[in-house]
């Protein structure tokens, strides 16, 4: 069986971030940064310094915040580190990857440091 590995946002900081970056769509995610799928017994990813550096929104129901982890926004699988921020009805978090790849993202003038903790989830 596989799990997802990545980093979870600090719950207290998450609430602050949602106030600073109000979600565009009604279904709020804003929970984690995905590294990728891995076997159940794979080790957790290393702790990492993280910062929100930009935003992507397809204008049709998918909003994501782009994250720089350990100095890069590039995930090992070729996609972009991000936090799915909010979704419209009928949209799924996994669509954030496609939106960022197809439309790119807008860089913030000032990066926002975020506290993330290595984690695994089903």
N, C-alpha and C. Protein backbone atom coordinates (compact mmCIF):
# COMPACT_ATOMS: atom_id res chain seq x y z
N UNK A 1 0.84 -1.19 0.00
CA UNK A 1 0.00 0.00 0.00
C UNK A 1 0.88 1.25 0.00
N UNK A 2 0.42 2.27 -0.69
CA UNK A 2 1.17 3.53 -0.77
C UNK A 2 0.52 4.60 0.09
N UNK A 3 1.36 5.52 0.51
CA UNK A 3 0.92 6.72 1.20
C UNK A 3 1.44 7.92 0.42
N UNK A 4 0.99 9.07 0.81
CA UNK A 4 1.53 10.31 0.28
C UNK A 4 2.51 10.85 1.31
N UNK A 5 3.66 11.31 0.84
CA UNK A 5 4.66 11.94 1.71
C UNK A 5 4.71 13.42 1.38
N UNK A 6 5.03 14.19 2.39
CA UNK A 6 5.16 15.63 2.19
C UNK A 6 5.32 16.34 3.51
N UNK A 7 4.74 17.52 3.57
CA UNK A 7 4.86 18.36 4.76
C UNK A 7 3.50 18.97 5.06
N UNK A 8 3.09 18.91 6.32
CA UNK A 8 1.83 19.51 6.76
C UNK A 8 2.09 20.93 7.26
N UNK A 9 1.15 21.82 6.99
CA UNK A 9 1.24 23.18 7.51
C UNK A 9 0.96 23.19 9.00
N UNK A 10 1.61 24.10 9.71
CA UNK A 10 1.32 24.31 11.12
C UNK A 10 -0.14 24.79 11.22
N UNK A 11 -0.97 24.14 12.04
CA UNK A 11 -2.39 24.50 12.11
C UNK A 11 -2.65 25.95 12.53
N UNK A 12 -1.89 26.45 13.49
CA UNK A 12 -2.09 27.84 13.93
C UNK A 12 -1.70 28.82 12.82
N UNK A 13 -0.58 28.56 12.16
CA UNK A 13 -0.16 29.45 11.09
C UNK A 13 -1.13 29.35 9.91
N UNK A 14 -1.69 28.18 9.69
CA UNK A 14 -2.66 28.01 8.61
C UNK A 14 -3.80 29.01 8.75
N UNK A 15 -4.31 29.18 9.95
CA UNK A 15 -5.41 30.12 10.18
C UNK A 15 -4.98 31.55 9.84
N UNK A 16 -3.77 31.91 10.22
CA UNK A 16 -3.25 33.24 9.89
C UNK A 16 -3.10 33.41 8.38
N UNK A 17 -2.59 32.38 7.72
CA UNK A 17 -2.39 32.45 6.27
C UNK A 17 -3.72 32.59 5.52
N UNK A 18 -4.75 31.90 6.02
CA UNK A 18 -6.05 32.01 5.38
C UNK A 18 -6.64 33.41 5.51
N UNK A 19 -6.27 34.11 6.59
CA UNK A 19 -6.70 35.50 6.73
C UNK A 19 -5.90 36.40 5.80
N UNK A 20 -4.62 36.13 5.69
CA UNK A 20 -3.76 36.94 4.84
C UNK A 20 -4.04 36.72 3.35
N UNK A 21 -4.33 35.47 2.99
CA UNK A 21 -4.63 35.10 1.60
C UNK A 21 -6.02 34.50 1.57
N UNK A 22 -7.07 35.31 1.60
CA UNK A 22 -8.44 34.76 1.63
C UNK A 22 -8.69 33.84 0.43
N UNK A 23 -9.23 32.66 0.70
CA UNK A 23 -9.51 31.71 -0.38
C UNK A 23 -10.50 32.27 -1.39
N UNK A 24 -10.27 31.97 -2.65
CA UNK A 24 -11.13 32.43 -3.73
C UNK A 24 -12.38 31.57 -3.85
N UNK A 25 -12.25 30.28 -3.59
CA UNK A 25 -13.34 29.34 -3.80
C UNK A 25 -13.81 28.76 -2.46
N UNK A 26 -15.04 28.22 -2.41
CA UNK A 26 -15.63 27.84 -1.12
C UNK A 26 -15.01 26.64 -0.41
N UNK A 27 -14.42 25.70 -1.13
CA UNK A 27 -13.83 24.52 -0.48
C UNK A 27 -12.36 24.78 -0.19
N UNK A 28 -12.08 25.05 1.08
CA UNK A 28 -10.72 25.40 1.49
C UNK A 28 -9.93 24.13 1.79
N UNK A 29 -8.73 24.04 1.24
CA UNK A 29 -7.82 22.92 1.48
C UNK A 29 -6.71 23.43 2.40
N UNK A 30 -5.71 24.08 1.83
CA UNK A 30 -4.64 24.75 2.59
C UNK A 30 -4.11 23.90 3.73
N UNK A 31 -3.68 22.67 3.41
CA UNK A 31 -3.30 21.72 4.45
C UNK A 31 -1.86 21.23 4.35
N UNK A 32 -1.33 21.04 3.14
CA UNK A 32 -0.04 20.36 3.01
C UNK A 32 0.65 20.69 1.69
N UNK A 33 1.92 20.32 1.65
CA UNK A 33 2.73 20.35 0.43
C UNK A 33 3.09 18.90 0.14
N UNK A 34 2.77 18.43 -1.05
CA UNK A 34 3.03 17.03 -1.41
C UNK A 34 4.43 16.88 -1.99
N UNK A 35 5.13 15.83 -1.54
CA UNK A 35 6.38 15.42 -2.17
C UNK A 35 6.07 14.37 -3.24
N UNK A 36 5.25 13.37 -2.87
CA UNK A 36 4.86 12.33 -3.82
C UNK A 36 4.36 11.09 -3.11
N UNK A 37 3.99 10.10 -3.89
CA UNK A 37 3.55 8.82 -3.35
C UNK A 37 4.76 7.95 -3.05
N UNK A 38 4.61 7.13 -2.01
CA UNK A 38 5.72 6.26 -1.60
C UNK A 38 5.16 5.06 -0.85
N UNK A 39 5.93 3.97 -0.77
CA UNK A 39 5.49 2.82 0.02
C UNK A 39 5.23 3.22 1.46
N UNK A 40 4.35 2.47 2.09
CA UNK A 40 3.96 2.74 3.48
C UNK A 40 5.15 2.85 4.43
N UNK A 41 6.21 2.09 4.16
CA UNK A 41 7.36 2.07 5.07
C UNK A 41 8.48 3.03 4.64
N UNK A 42 8.24 3.87 3.65
CA UNK A 42 9.26 4.83 3.22
C UNK A 42 9.49 5.86 4.33
N UNK A 43 10.72 6.33 4.46
CA UNK A 43 10.99 7.34 5.49
C UNK A 43 10.33 8.67 5.15
N UNK A 44 10.04 9.43 6.19
CA UNK A 44 9.48 10.76 5.99
C UNK A 44 10.50 11.64 5.28
N UNK A 45 10.04 12.66 4.58
CA UNK A 45 10.99 13.59 3.97
C UNK A 45 11.73 14.37 5.06
N UNK A 46 12.84 14.93 4.69
CA UNK A 46 13.62 15.73 5.65
C UNK A 46 12.87 17.01 5.99
N UNK A 47 13.12 17.53 7.20
CA UNK A 47 12.56 18.85 7.49
C UNK A 47 13.07 19.86 6.46
N UNK A 48 12.26 20.86 6.17
CA UNK A 48 12.64 21.82 5.14
C UNK A 48 12.15 23.21 5.52
N UNK A 49 12.94 24.19 5.11
CA UNK A 49 12.49 25.57 5.21
C UNK A 49 11.56 25.82 4.04
N UNK A 50 10.42 26.45 4.32
CA UNK A 50 9.42 26.65 3.28
C UNK A 50 8.93 28.09 3.28
N UNK A 51 8.55 28.53 2.09
CA UNK A 51 7.94 29.85 1.96
C UNK A 51 7.00 29.86 0.77
N UNK A 52 5.88 30.55 0.95
CA UNK A 52 4.95 30.75 -0.15
C UNK A 52 5.53 31.85 -1.03
N UNK A 53 5.70 31.55 -2.31
CA UNK A 53 6.35 32.50 -3.22
C UNK A 53 5.46 32.96 -4.36
N UNK A 54 4.26 32.37 -4.49
CA UNK A 54 3.40 32.78 -5.59
C UNK A 54 2.05 32.11 -5.53
N UNK A 55 1.25 32.40 -6.55
CA UNK A 55 -0.13 31.92 -6.60
C UNK A 55 -0.51 31.55 -8.03
N UNK A 56 -1.34 30.52 -8.13
CA UNK A 56 -1.92 30.12 -9.42
C UNK A 56 -3.42 30.00 -9.24
N UNK A 57 -4.18 30.41 -10.25
CA UNK A 57 -5.63 30.32 -10.21
C UNK A 57 -6.10 30.22 -11.66
N UNK A 58 -6.87 29.19 -11.95
CA UNK A 58 -7.35 29.03 -13.32
C UNK A 58 -8.62 29.84 -13.59
N UNK A 59 -9.14 30.54 -12.58
CA UNK A 59 -10.35 31.32 -12.76
C UNK A 59 -11.60 30.47 -12.91
N UNK A 60 -11.43 29.16 -12.75
CA UNK A 60 -12.54 28.23 -12.94
C UNK A 60 -12.70 27.26 -11.76
N UNK A 61 -12.02 27.56 -10.65
CA UNK A 61 -12.25 26.74 -9.47
C UNK A 61 -11.06 26.09 -8.82
N UNK A 62 -9.85 26.38 -9.28
CA UNK A 62 -8.65 25.82 -8.64
C UNK A 62 -7.69 26.95 -8.31
N UNK A 63 -7.38 27.08 -7.03
CA UNK A 63 -6.43 28.09 -6.55
C UNK A 63 -5.34 27.37 -5.76
N UNK A 64 -4.08 27.70 -6.03
CA UNK A 64 -2.96 27.08 -5.34
C UNK A 64 -1.91 28.13 -5.00
N UNK A 65 -1.21 27.91 -3.90
CA UNK A 65 -0.08 28.74 -3.52
C UNK A 65 1.20 27.96 -3.84
N UNK A 66 2.10 28.59 -4.56
CA UNK A 66 3.36 27.94 -4.93
C UNK A 66 4.32 28.09 -3.76
N UNK A 67 5.04 27.01 -3.46
CA UNK A 67 5.92 26.96 -2.30
C UNK A 67 7.35 26.67 -2.73
N UNK A 68 8.28 27.38 -2.12
CA UNK A 68 9.70 27.08 -2.30
C UNK A 68 10.13 26.30 -1.06
N UNK A 69 10.66 25.10 -1.29
CA UNK A 69 11.14 24.22 -0.21
C UNK A 69 12.62 24.00 -0.40
N UNK A 70 13.40 24.31 0.63
CA UNK A 70 14.84 24.09 0.52
C UNK A 70 15.46 24.80 -0.67
N UNK A 71 14.90 25.95 -1.04
CA UNK A 71 15.49 26.75 -2.11
C UNK A 71 14.96 26.51 -3.51
N UNK A 72 13.99 25.59 -3.67
CA UNK A 72 13.47 25.32 -5.01
C UNK A 72 11.95 25.14 -4.99
N UNK A 73 11.32 25.47 -6.10
CA UNK A 73 9.90 25.20 -6.27
C UNK A 73 9.67 23.92 -7.07
N UNK A 74 10.74 23.31 -7.54
CA UNK A 74 10.65 22.12 -8.41
C UNK A 74 10.58 20.83 -7.61
N UNK A 75 9.49 20.09 -7.78
CA UNK A 75 9.37 18.77 -7.16
C UNK A 75 10.23 17.78 -7.96
N UNK A 76 10.68 16.72 -7.31
CA UNK A 76 11.50 15.73 -8.02
C UNK A 76 10.81 15.11 -9.23
N UNK A 77 9.47 15.09 -9.25
CA UNK A 77 8.74 14.49 -10.37
C UNK A 77 8.55 15.46 -11.54
N UNK A 78 9.12 16.67 -11.42
CA UNK A 78 9.03 17.65 -12.49
C UNK A 78 7.90 18.65 -12.33
N UNK A 79 7.03 18.43 -11.36
CA UNK A 79 5.95 19.40 -11.11
C UNK A 79 6.44 20.46 -10.13
N UNK A 80 5.54 21.24 -9.60
CA UNK A 80 5.89 22.38 -8.75
C UNK A 80 5.34 22.18 -7.34
N UNK A 81 6.18 22.43 -6.34
CA UNK A 81 5.70 22.39 -4.95
C UNK A 81 4.61 23.43 -4.78
N UNK A 82 3.51 23.03 -4.16
CA UNK A 82 2.40 23.96 -3.96
C UNK A 82 1.50 23.49 -2.82
N UNK A 83 0.64 24.38 -2.40
CA UNK A 83 -0.44 24.07 -1.46
C UNK A 83 -1.73 24.33 -2.22
N UNK A 84 -2.56 23.33 -2.40
CA UNK A 84 -3.88 23.59 -2.98
C UNK A 84 -4.62 24.44 -1.96
N UNK A 85 -5.00 25.64 -2.36
CA UNK A 85 -5.55 26.61 -1.42
C UNK A 85 -7.06 26.50 -1.32
N UNK A 86 -7.74 26.57 -2.47
CA UNK A 86 -9.20 26.48 -2.44
C UNK A 86 -9.70 25.92 -3.77
N UNK A 87 -10.91 25.34 -3.69
CA UNK A 87 -11.50 24.67 -4.84
C UNK A 87 -12.99 25.00 -4.94
N UNK A 88 -13.48 25.07 -6.17
CA UNK A 88 -14.92 25.18 -6.40
C UNK A 88 -15.52 23.77 -6.35
N UNK A 89 -16.83 23.71 -6.23
CA UNK A 89 -17.52 22.41 -6.25
C UNK A 89 -17.13 21.65 -7.51
N UNK A 90 -16.90 20.35 -7.36
CA UNK A 90 -16.59 19.51 -8.50
C UNK A 90 -15.13 19.50 -8.90
N UNK A 91 -14.31 20.33 -8.28
CA UNK A 91 -12.87 20.36 -8.60
C UNK A 91 -12.12 19.57 -7.54
N UNK A 92 -10.93 19.06 -7.90
CA UNK A 92 -10.13 18.23 -7.00
C UNK A 92 -8.74 18.81 -6.81
N UNK A 93 -8.17 18.57 -5.64
CA UNK A 93 -6.85 19.11 -5.29
C UNK A 93 -5.79 18.71 -6.31
N UNK A 94 -5.86 17.49 -6.83
CA UNK A 94 -4.84 17.03 -7.76
C UNK A 94 -4.80 17.87 -9.04
N UNK A 95 -5.85 18.63 -9.30
CA UNK A 95 -5.88 19.49 -10.49
C UNK A 95 -4.92 20.67 -10.37
N UNK A 96 -4.47 20.98 -9.18
CA UNK A 96 -3.52 22.09 -9.00
C UNK A 96 -2.27 21.89 -9.85
N UNK A 97 -1.79 20.65 -9.92
CA UNK A 97 -0.61 20.36 -10.73
C UNK A 97 -0.82 20.77 -12.18
N UNK A 98 -1.99 20.41 -12.74
CA UNK A 98 -2.29 20.72 -14.14
C UNK A 98 -2.42 22.22 -14.36
N UNK A 99 -3.06 22.91 -13.43
CA UNK A 99 -3.25 24.35 -13.56
C UNK A 99 -1.90 25.06 -13.58
N UNK A 100 -1.02 24.70 -12.65
CA UNK A 100 0.30 25.33 -12.59
C UNK A 100 1.10 25.02 -13.86
N UNK A 101 1.06 23.79 -14.32
CA UNK A 101 1.80 23.41 -15.52
C UNK A 101 1.28 24.13 -16.76
N UNK A 102 -0.03 24.26 -16.88
CA UNK A 102 -0.63 24.84 -18.08
C UNK A 102 -0.60 26.36 -18.09
N UNK A 103 -0.80 26.97 -16.93
CA UNK A 103 -0.97 28.43 -16.88
C UNK A 103 0.15 29.17 -16.17
N UNK A 104 1.04 28.42 -15.52
CA UNK A 104 2.10 29.06 -14.75
C UNK A 104 1.56 29.66 -13.46
N UNK A 105 2.35 30.53 -12.87
CA UNK A 105 1.94 31.13 -11.60
C UNK A 105 2.53 32.53 -11.49
N UNK A 106 1.93 33.33 -10.63
CA UNK A 106 2.36 34.70 -10.41
C UNK A 106 3.21 34.77 -9.15
N UNK A 107 4.41 35.30 -9.29
CA UNK A 107 5.33 35.38 -8.15
C UNK A 107 4.95 36.55 -7.25
N UNK A 108 5.03 36.32 -5.93
CA UNK A 108 4.80 37.38 -4.95
C UNK A 108 6.05 38.22 -4.81
N UNK A 109 5.86 39.48 -4.54
CA UNK A 109 7.00 40.38 -4.34
C UNK A 109 7.78 39.99 -3.10
N UNK A 110 7.07 39.64 -2.03
CA UNK A 110 7.71 39.24 -0.78
C UNK A 110 7.29 37.81 -0.42
N UNK A 111 8.22 36.87 -0.36
CA UNK A 111 7.87 35.51 0.06
C UNK A 111 7.36 35.50 1.50
N UNK A 112 6.48 34.55 1.79
CA UNK A 112 5.91 34.39 3.13
C UNK A 112 6.43 33.09 3.74
N UNK A 113 7.30 33.17 4.76
CA UNK A 113 7.77 31.94 5.40
C UNK A 113 6.61 31.16 6.02
N UNK A 114 6.66 29.84 5.88
CA UNK A 114 5.65 28.98 6.48
C UNK A 114 6.33 27.83 7.22
N UNK A 115 5.70 27.41 8.29
CA UNK A 115 6.21 26.30 9.08
C UNK A 115 5.55 25.02 8.59
N UNK A 116 6.37 24.07 8.17
CA UNK A 116 5.87 22.79 7.70
C UNK A 116 6.58 21.65 8.45
N UNK A 117 5.85 20.55 8.63
CA UNK A 117 6.38 19.40 9.35
C UNK A 117 6.29 18.17 8.46
N UNK A 118 7.39 17.39 8.34
CA UNK A 118 7.33 16.17 7.54
C UNK A 118 6.18 15.27 8.00
N UNK A 119 5.47 14.68 7.03
CA UNK A 119 4.29 13.88 7.36
C UNK A 119 4.01 12.87 6.26
N UNK A 120 3.14 11.94 6.61
CA UNK A 120 2.61 10.96 5.65
C UNK A 120 1.11 10.85 5.91
N UNK A 121 0.37 10.61 4.83
CA UNK A 121 -1.07 10.46 4.99
C UNK A 121 -1.58 9.55 3.88
N UNK A 122 -2.76 8.96 4.13
CA UNK A 122 -3.35 8.05 3.12
C UNK A 122 -3.77 8.79 1.86
